[in-house]
Amino acid sequence: MTSRTAPADRLTLEVVELIGTVVDRFHREYDEAAGRHSLTGSQARLIALLHHRPLPMREIARRLKCEPSNITGIVDRLESRGLVERRPDPADRRVKLAALTERGLDTAERLRGSLDFAREPLGELTPVERAVLRDLLRRMLGAGSAEDAPEGGAEG
């Protein structure tokens, strides 16, 4: 016996399309904001990820959904600009952590401050509506989503 998934209702299809439009706009405008800081989109996403704390290269690759060798190249380029440095992991000296330098932290803050495209439409919602949206998105993503939510995919 073959199992079939029931066709999605019109409302679900509309919500899926709207989410896709938001994601597309986010990536396009995030890349434009990154360019204003002389960064590629991938470099900006890596800097945003490290803004929270230093991370092992493999963890960065997992979160940005790309190959570790790709992360090595991105970190190399950011390191040459003085934005990122490699440090030994205090818990395991064999592991290297990528960490923001002071200059990288400043760049992360400026980049974050320039992301008006996300704040502008959200500003039209009341604080209660924003909280409801946040809670619904968290529910859609499941438990632990804040840590696992990517800043965006890293292409290169």
N, C-alpha and C. Protein backbone atom coordinates (compact mmCIF):
# COMPACT_ATOMS: atom_id res chain seq x y z
N MET A 1 0.85 -1.18 0.00
CA MET A 1 0.00 0.00 0.00
C MET A 1 0.89 1.24 0.00
N THR A 2 0.62 2.18 -0.88
CA THR A 2 1.39 3.40 -1.02
C THR A 2 0.77 4.49 -0.16
N SER A 3 1.61 5.17 0.64
CA SER A 3 1.07 6.27 1.44
C SER A 3 1.21 7.56 0.65
N ARG A 4 0.21 8.37 0.75
CA ARG A 4 0.21 9.65 0.04
C ARG A 4 0.06 10.77 1.05
N THR A 5 0.75 11.85 0.76
CA THR A 5 0.61 13.03 1.58
C THR A 5 -0.55 13.84 1.02
N ALA A 6 -1.41 14.29 1.90
CA ALA A 6 -2.54 15.09 1.47
C ALA A 6 -2.04 16.39 0.85
N PRO A 7 -2.67 16.86 -0.20
CA PRO A 7 -2.24 18.11 -0.81
C PRO A 7 -2.37 19.26 0.18
N ALA A 8 -1.46 20.19 0.09
CA ALA A 8 -1.48 21.33 1.00
C ALA A 8 -2.66 22.23 0.66
N ASP A 9 -3.24 22.81 1.67
CA ASP A 9 -4.34 23.74 1.44
C ASP A 9 -3.79 25.07 0.93
N ARG A 10 -4.65 25.91 0.41
CA ARG A 10 -4.24 27.19 -0.20
C ARG A 10 -3.50 28.08 0.80
N LEU A 11 -3.95 28.12 2.03
CA LEU A 11 -3.31 28.96 3.04
C LEU A 11 -1.88 28.50 3.29
N THR A 12 -1.69 27.19 3.43
CA THR A 12 -0.34 26.66 3.65
C THR A 12 0.56 27.00 2.47
N LEU A 13 0.07 26.83 1.25
CA LEU A 13 0.86 27.17 0.06
C LEU A 13 1.23 28.65 0.05
N GLU A 14 0.28 29.51 0.42
CA GLU A 14 0.57 30.94 0.45
C GLU A 14 1.62 31.27 1.51
N VAL A 15 1.52 30.63 2.69
CA VAL A 15 2.52 30.86 3.74
C VAL A 15 3.90 30.40 3.28
N VAL A 16 3.97 29.24 2.64
CA VAL A 16 5.24 28.73 2.13
C VAL A 16 5.83 29.71 1.11
N GLU A 17 5.01 30.23 0.20
CA GLU A 17 5.49 31.21 -0.78
C GLU A 17 5.99 32.47 -0.09
N LEU A 18 5.27 32.95 0.90
CA LEU A 18 5.68 34.15 1.62
C LEU A 18 6.99 33.94 2.37
N ILE A 19 7.15 32.79 3.00
CA ILE A 19 8.41 32.48 3.69
C ILE A 19 9.55 32.47 2.67
N GLY A 20 9.33 31.86 1.51
CA GLY A 20 10.34 31.84 0.46
C GLY A 20 10.71 33.25 0.00
N THR A 21 9.72 34.12 -0.12
CA THR A 21 9.98 35.50 -0.52
C THR A 21 10.79 36.23 0.53
N VAL A 22 10.46 36.02 1.81
CA VAL A 22 11.22 36.65 2.90
C VAL A 22 12.66 36.16 2.89
N VAL A 23 12.87 34.85 2.73
CA VAL A 23 14.22 34.28 2.71
C VAL A 23 15.01 34.84 1.53
N ASP A 24 14.39 34.90 0.35
CA ASP A 24 15.06 35.44 -0.82
C ASP A 24 15.46 36.90 -0.59
N ARG A 25 14.54 37.69 -0.06
CA ARG A 25 14.84 39.09 0.21
C ARG A 25 15.95 39.21 1.24
N PHE A 26 15.89 38.40 2.28
CA PHE A 26 16.92 38.43 3.32
C PHE A 26 18.30 38.18 2.72
N HIS A 27 18.44 37.11 1.94
CA HIS A 27 19.74 36.77 1.35
C HIS A 27 20.23 37.85 0.40
N ARG A 28 19.35 38.35 -0.44
CA ARG A 28 19.73 39.39 -1.40
C ARG A 28 20.20 40.65 -0.68
N GLU A 29 19.43 41.11 0.27
CA GLU A 29 19.76 42.35 0.96
C GLU A 29 20.90 42.16 1.95
N TYR A 30 21.05 40.96 2.51
CA TYR A 30 22.18 40.68 3.40
C TYR A 30 23.47 40.75 2.59
N ASP A 31 23.46 40.18 1.39
CA ASP A 31 24.64 40.22 0.53
C ASP A 31 24.98 41.66 0.13
N GLU A 32 23.95 42.48 -0.12
CA GLU A 32 24.18 43.89 -0.45
C GLU A 32 24.79 44.62 0.75
N ALA A 33 24.29 44.37 1.95
CA ALA A 33 24.84 44.99 3.16
C ALA A 33 26.28 44.54 3.37
N ALA A 34 26.56 43.27 3.13
CA ALA A 34 27.93 42.75 3.26
C ALA A 34 28.85 43.49 2.30
N GLY A 35 28.40 43.69 1.08
CA GLY A 35 29.21 44.39 0.08
C GLY A 35 29.57 45.80 0.50
N ARG A 36 28.66 46.46 1.21
CA ARG A 36 28.95 47.82 1.69
C ARG A 36 30.06 47.81 2.74
N HIS A 37 30.36 46.63 3.30
CA HIS A 37 31.44 46.48 4.28
C HIS A 37 32.63 45.73 3.67
N SER A 38 32.65 45.69 2.33
CA SER A 38 33.71 45.00 1.57
C SER A 38 33.84 43.54 1.95
N LEU A 39 32.71 42.89 2.16
CA LEU A 39 32.65 41.47 2.51
C LEU A 39 31.77 40.74 1.50
N THR A 40 32.07 39.47 1.28
CA THR A 40 31.13 38.63 0.55
C THR A 40 30.02 38.23 1.51
N GLY A 41 28.94 37.72 0.99
CA GLY A 41 27.86 37.25 1.86
C GLY A 41 28.34 36.15 2.79
N SER A 42 29.16 35.24 2.28
CA SER A 42 29.68 34.14 3.10
C SER A 42 30.57 34.66 4.22
N GLN A 43 31.41 35.64 3.90
CA GLN A 43 32.28 36.22 4.93
C GLN A 43 31.44 36.91 6.01
N ALA A 44 30.42 37.62 5.59
CA ALA A 44 29.56 38.32 6.55
C ALA A 44 28.83 37.33 7.45
N ARG A 45 28.34 36.23 6.87
CA ARG A 45 27.63 35.23 7.68
C ARG A 45 28.57 34.58 8.68
N LEU A 46 29.82 34.35 8.28
CA LEU A 46 30.80 33.77 9.19
C LEU A 46 31.10 34.75 10.33
N ILE A 47 31.28 36.01 10.00
CA ILE A 47 31.53 37.03 11.03
C ILE A 47 30.34 37.12 11.99
N ALA A 48 29.14 37.09 11.45
CA ALA A 48 27.95 37.15 12.30
C ALA A 48 27.88 35.94 13.23
N LEU A 49 28.25 34.80 12.73
CA LEU A 49 28.24 33.58 13.55
C LEU A 49 29.27 33.67 14.67
N LEU A 50 30.46 34.20 14.35
CA LEU A 50 31.52 34.32 15.37
C LEU A 50 31.25 35.45 16.35
N HIS A 51 30.31 36.31 16.03
CA HIS A 51 29.97 37.41 16.94
C HIS A 51 29.50 36.87 18.28
N HIS A 52 28.91 35.69 18.28
CA HIS A 52 28.40 35.08 19.52
C HIS A 52 29.53 34.50 20.36
N ARG A 53 30.46 33.80 19.70
CA ARG A 53 31.60 33.20 20.42
C ARG A 53 32.51 32.51 19.40
N PRO A 54 33.79 32.29 19.77
CA PRO A 54 34.68 31.54 18.88
C PRO A 54 34.14 30.12 18.67
N LEU A 55 34.38 29.60 17.48
CA LEU A 55 33.88 28.26 17.15
C LEU A 55 34.93 27.46 16.40
N PRO A 56 34.91 26.13 16.57
CA PRO A 56 35.78 25.28 15.75
C PRO A 56 35.35 25.35 14.29
N MET A 57 36.31 25.17 13.41
CA MET A 57 36.05 25.26 11.97
C MET A 57 34.96 24.28 11.53
N ARG A 58 34.99 23.07 12.05
CA ARG A 58 33.98 22.07 11.66
C ARG A 58 32.57 22.50 12.09
N GLU A 59 32.47 23.13 13.24
CA GLU A 59 31.17 23.61 13.71
C GLU A 59 30.67 24.75 12.82
N ILE A 60 31.58 25.62 12.41
CA ILE A 60 31.20 26.70 11.49
C ILE A 60 30.67 26.10 10.19
N ALA A 61 31.39 25.12 9.66
CA ALA A 61 30.96 24.46 8.42
C ALA A 61 29.58 23.82 8.59
N ARG A 62 29.37 23.16 9.71
CA ARG A 62 28.06 22.54 9.96
C ARG A 62 26.96 23.58 9.99
N ARG A 63 27.19 24.66 10.71
CA ARG A 63 26.15 25.68 10.84
C ARG A 63 25.89 26.43 9.54
N LEU A 64 26.94 26.65 8.76
CA LEU A 64 26.77 27.36 7.49
C LEU A 64 26.49 26.41 6.32
N LYS A 65 26.42 25.12 6.65
CA LYS A 65 26.07 24.08 5.67
C LYS A 65 26.98 24.10 4.44
N CYS A 66 28.28 24.00 4.71
CA CYS A 66 29.25 23.92 3.63
C CYS A 66 30.43 23.07 4.05
N GLU A 67 31.33 22.83 3.13
CA GLU A 67 32.49 21.99 3.40
C GLU A 67 33.50 22.70 4.30
N PRO A 68 34.15 21.96 5.21
CA PRO A 68 35.18 22.58 6.05
C PRO A 68 36.28 23.26 5.25
N SER A 69 36.64 22.71 4.08
CA SER A 69 37.69 23.33 3.27
C SER A 69 37.25 24.72 2.78
N ASN A 70 35.96 24.89 2.54
CA ASN A 70 35.43 26.19 2.14
C ASN A 70 35.59 27.19 3.29
N ILE A 71 35.32 26.73 4.51
CA ILE A 71 35.45 27.58 5.69
C ILE A 71 36.91 27.99 5.88
N THR A 72 37.82 27.07 5.64
CA THR A 72 39.25 27.38 5.76
C THR A 72 39.61 28.55 4.85
N GLY A 73 39.14 28.53 3.62
CA GLY A 73 39.41 29.61 2.68
C GLY A 73 38.81 30.93 3.12
N ILE A 74 37.59 30.89 3.61
CA ILE A 74 36.93 32.12 4.08
C ILE A 74 37.68 32.69 5.28
N VAL A 75 38.04 31.82 6.23
CA VAL A 75 38.79 32.26 7.41
C VAL A 75 40.15 32.81 7.00
N ASP A 76 40.81 32.17 6.05
CA ASP A 76 42.10 32.68 5.56
C ASP A 76 41.97 34.12 5.06
N ARG A 77 40.94 34.36 4.24
CA ARG A 77 40.75 35.71 3.69
C ARG A 77 40.43 36.72 4.79
N LEU A 78 39.59 36.34 5.74
CA LEU A 78 39.25 37.25 6.84
C LEU A 78 40.45 37.48 7.77
N GLU A 79 41.25 36.44 7.94
CA GLU A 79 42.44 36.55 8.78
C GLU A 79 43.44 37.52 8.13
N SER A 80 43.57 37.45 6.82
CA SER A 80 44.51 38.35 6.13
C SER A 80 44.07 39.81 6.23
N ARG A 81 42.79 40.03 6.48
CA ARG A 81 42.27 41.39 6.65
C ARG A 81 42.25 41.82 8.12
N GLY A 82 42.70 40.94 9.01
CA GLY A 82 42.74 41.28 10.43
C GLY A 82 41.39 41.23 11.13
N LEU A 83 40.42 40.50 10.55
CA LEU A 83 39.09 40.43 11.14
C LEU A 83 38.88 39.18 11.99
N VAL A 84 39.62 38.12 11.67
CA VAL A 84 39.47 36.82 12.35
C VAL A 84 40.86 36.31 12.69
N GLU A 85 40.94 35.54 13.77
CA GLU A 85 42.19 34.87 14.12
C GLU A 85 41.88 33.44 14.52
N ARG A 86 42.87 32.59 14.39
CA ARG A 86 42.75 31.21 14.84
C ARG A 86 43.39 31.11 16.22
N ARG A 87 42.70 30.39 17.11
CA ARG A 87 43.20 30.18 18.47
C ARG A 87 43.09 28.70 18.82
N PRO A 88 43.98 28.22 19.66
CA PRO A 88 43.80 26.84 20.13
C PRO A 88 42.59 26.77 21.07
N ASP A 89 41.87 25.68 20.98
CA ASP A 89 40.72 25.46 21.86
C ASP A 89 41.25 25.10 23.24
N PRO A 90 40.89 25.85 24.29
CA PRO A 90 41.40 25.53 25.63
C PRO A 90 41.01 24.12 26.10
N ALA A 91 39.91 23.59 25.57
CA ALA A 91 39.45 22.26 25.98
C ALA A 91 40.19 21.16 25.22
N ASP A 92 40.72 21.46 24.03
CA ASP A 92 41.43 20.48 23.22
C ASP A 92 42.40 21.23 22.32
N ARG A 93 43.65 21.30 22.70
CA ARG A 93 44.66 22.11 22.00
C ARG A 93 44.86 21.67 20.54
N ARG A 94 44.38 20.48 20.17
CA ARG A 94 44.49 20.03 18.78
C ARG A 94 43.49 20.74 17.88
N VAL A 95 42.44 21.29 18.48
CA VAL A 95 41.37 21.94 17.73
C VAL A 95 41.64 23.44 17.65
N LYS A 96 41.45 23.99 16.45
CA LYS A 96 41.59 25.44 16.27
C LYS A 96 40.21 26.09 16.25
N LEU A 97 40.11 27.18 16.99
CA LEU A 97 38.89 27.97 16.99
C LEU A 97 39.09 29.19 16.10
N ALA A 98 38.06 29.57 15.39
CA ALA A 98 38.08 30.85 14.68
C ALA A 98 37.41 31.85 15.62
N ALA A 99 38.04 33.02 15.77
CA ALA A 99 37.52 34.04 16.68
C ALA A 99 37.66 35.41 16.03
N LEU A 100 36.74 36.30 16.35
CA LEU A 100 36.84 37.66 15.85
C LEU A 100 37.93 38.41 16.60
N THR A 101 38.67 39.24 15.87
CA THR A 101 39.60 40.17 16.49
C THR A 101 38.78 41.40 16.91
N GLU A 102 39.40 42.35 17.55
CA GLU A 102 38.70 43.59 17.90
C GLU A 102 38.14 44.26 16.64
N ARG A 103 38.96 44.29 15.59
CA ARG A 103 38.51 44.87 14.32
C ARG A 103 37.34 44.07 13.74
N GLY A 104 37.40 42.75 13.86
CA GLY A 104 36.31 41.91 13.39
C GLY A 104 35.04 42.14 14.19
N LEU A 105 35.17 42.31 15.48
CA LEU A 105 34.02 42.59 16.34
C LEU A 105 33.37 43.91 15.95
N ASP A 106 34.21 44.92 15.70
CA ASP A 106 33.70 46.22 15.25
C ASP A 106 32.97 46.08 13.92
N THR A 107 33.54 45.31 13.00
CA THR A 107 32.91 45.08 11.70
C THR A 107 31.57 44.36 11.88
N ALA A 108 31.54 43.37 12.76
CA ALA A 108 30.29 42.63 13.02
C ALA A 108 29.22 43.57 13.56
N GLU A 109 29.60 44.46 14.46
CA GLU A 109 28.63 45.41 15.02
C GLU A 109 28.11 46.37 13.95
N ARG A 110 29.03 46.88 13.11
CA ARG A 110 28.62 47.80 12.04
C ARG A 110 27.72 47.09 11.02
N LEU A 111 28.07 45.85 10.70
CA LEU A 111 27.26 45.07 9.76
C LEU A 111 25.87 44.85 10.35
N ARG A 112 25.84 44.44 11.59
CA ARG A 112 24.55 44.20 12.25
C ARG A 112 23.69 45.47 12.27
N GLY A 113 24.33 46.60 12.51
CA GLY A 113 23.61 47.87 12.54
C GLY A 113 23.11 48.32 11.19
N SER A 114 23.67 47.78 10.11
CA SER A 114 23.27 48.20 8.77
C SER A 114 22.18 47.31 8.16
N LEU A 115 21.68 46.37 8.91
CA LEU A 115 20.68 45.44 8.38
C LEU A 115 19.26 45.99 8.57
N ASP A 116 19.02 47.16 8.00
CA ASP A 116 17.73 47.82 8.14
C ASP A 116 16.59 47.05 7.48
N PHE A 117 16.90 46.30 6.41
CA PHE A 117 15.85 45.62 5.67
C PHE A 117 15.06 44.66 6.54
N ALA A 118 15.67 44.12 7.57
CA ALA A 118 14.95 43.20 8.46
C ALA A 118 14.15 43.99 9.50
N ARG A 119 14.74 45.07 10.00
CA ARG A 119 14.06 45.85 11.04
C ARG A 119 12.90 46.66 10.50
N GLU A 120 13.05 47.17 9.29
CA GLU A 120 12.04 48.06 8.73
C GLU A 120 10.64 47.44 8.68
N PRO A 121 10.48 46.27 8.03
CA PRO A 121 9.13 45.69 8.01
C PRO A 121 8.67 45.22 9.39
N LEU A 122 9.60 44.76 10.21
CA LEU A 122 9.21 44.33 11.55
C LEU A 122 8.77 45.51 12.40
N GLY A 123 9.29 46.70 12.10
CA GLY A 123 8.92 47.90 12.83
C GLY A 123 7.46 48.27 12.65
N GLU A 124 6.86 47.75 11.58
CA GLU A 124 5.45 48.02 11.34
C GLU A 124 4.54 47.14 12.20
N LEU A 125 5.12 46.13 12.82
CA LEU A 125 4.35 45.26 13.72
C LEU A 125 4.43 45.81 15.14
N THR A 126 3.41 45.55 15.91
CA THR A 126 3.45 45.95 17.31
C THR A 126 4.39 45.01 18.06
N PRO A 127 4.85 45.40 19.25
CA PRO A 127 5.69 44.49 20.03
C PRO A 127 5.01 43.14 20.28
N VAL A 128 3.73 43.14 20.49
CA VAL A 128 3.00 41.88 20.71
C VAL A 128 3.02 41.03 19.44
N GLU A 129 2.80 41.65 18.27
CA GLU A 129 2.83 40.92 17.01
C GLU A 129 4.22 40.35 16.74
N ARG A 130 5.27 41.12 17.04
CA ARG A 130 6.64 40.62 16.85
C ARG A 130 6.90 39.43 17.77
N ALA A 131 6.42 39.50 19.00
CA ALA A 131 6.60 38.38 19.94
C ALA A 131 5.86 37.14 19.44
N VAL A 132 4.66 37.32 18.93
CA VAL A 132 3.88 36.19 18.40
C VAL A 132 4.61 35.59 17.20
N LEU A 133 5.10 36.44 16.30
CA LEU A 133 5.85 35.95 15.14
C LEU A 133 7.08 35.19 15.58
N ARG A 134 7.84 35.74 16.52
CA ARG A 134 9.03 35.06 17.05
C ARG A 134 8.67 33.70 17.61
N ASP A 135 7.62 33.65 18.41
CA ASP A 135 7.23 32.39 19.04
C ASP A 135 6.76 31.36 18.01
N LEU A 136 6.04 31.82 16.99
CA LEU A 136 5.61 30.90 15.93
C LEU A 136 6.80 30.37 15.14
N LEU A 137 7.76 31.24 14.84
CA LEU A 137 8.95 30.79 14.10
C LEU A 137 9.75 29.80 14.94
N ARG A 138 9.89 30.08 16.22
CA ARG A 138 10.59 29.13 17.11
C ARG A 138 9.87 27.79 17.13
N ARG A 139 8.56 27.84 17.19
CA ARG A 139 7.77 26.60 17.21
C ARG A 139 7.94 25.83 15.90
N MET A 140 7.95 26.55 14.77
CA MET A 140 8.13 25.90 13.48
C MET A 140 9.50 25.24 13.38
N LEU A 141 10.52 25.88 13.96
CA LEU A 141 11.88 25.36 13.88
C LEU A 141 12.17 24.28 14.90
N GLY A 142 11.36 24.18 15.92
CA GLY A 142 11.55 23.15 16.95
C GLY A 142 12.47 23.60 18.06
N ALA A 143 12.58 22.80 19.07
CA ALA A 143 13.40 23.10 20.24
C ALA A 143 14.86 23.23 19.85
N GLY A 144 15.56 24.16 20.50
CA GLY A 144 16.99 24.34 20.26
C GLY A 144 17.30 25.08 18.98
N SER A 145 16.28 25.68 18.36
CA SER A 145 16.48 26.30 17.06
C SER A 145 17.35 27.54 17.10
N ALA A 146 17.39 28.27 18.19
CA ALA A 146 18.17 29.50 18.23
C ALA A 146 19.65 29.22 18.00
N GLU A 147 20.15 28.13 18.58
CA GLU A 147 21.57 27.79 18.41
C GLU A 147 21.85 27.23 17.04
N ASP A 148 20.90 26.47 16.51
CA ASP A 148 21.13 25.80 15.23
C ASP A 148 20.72 26.62 14.02
N ALA A 149 20.00 27.72 14.25
CA ALA A 149 19.55 28.50 13.12
C ALA A 149 20.74 29.12 12.41
N PRO A 150 20.88 28.85 11.11
CA PRO A 150 22.04 29.40 10.39
C PRO A 150 21.84 30.87 10.11
N GLU A 151 22.93 31.55 9.92
CA GLU A 151 22.90 32.94 9.52
C GLU A 151 22.71 33.04 8.02
N GLY A 152 22.74 31.94 7.38
CA GLY A 152 22.64 31.87 5.93
C GLY A 152 23.69 30.89 5.43
N GLY A 153 23.49 30.38 4.25
CA GLY A 153 24.44 29.41 3.70
C GLY A 153 25.71 30.09 3.24
N ALA A 154 26.81 29.43 3.34
CA ALA A 154 28.09 29.96 2.87
C ALA A 154 28.45 29.30 1.55
N GLU A 155 28.55 30.12 0.51
CA GLU A 155 28.87 29.56 -0.80
C GLU A 155 30.33 29.73 -1.14
N GLY A 156 30.97 30.72 -0.62
CA GLY A 156 32.35 30.90 -1.01
C GLY A 156 32.91 32.18 -0.65
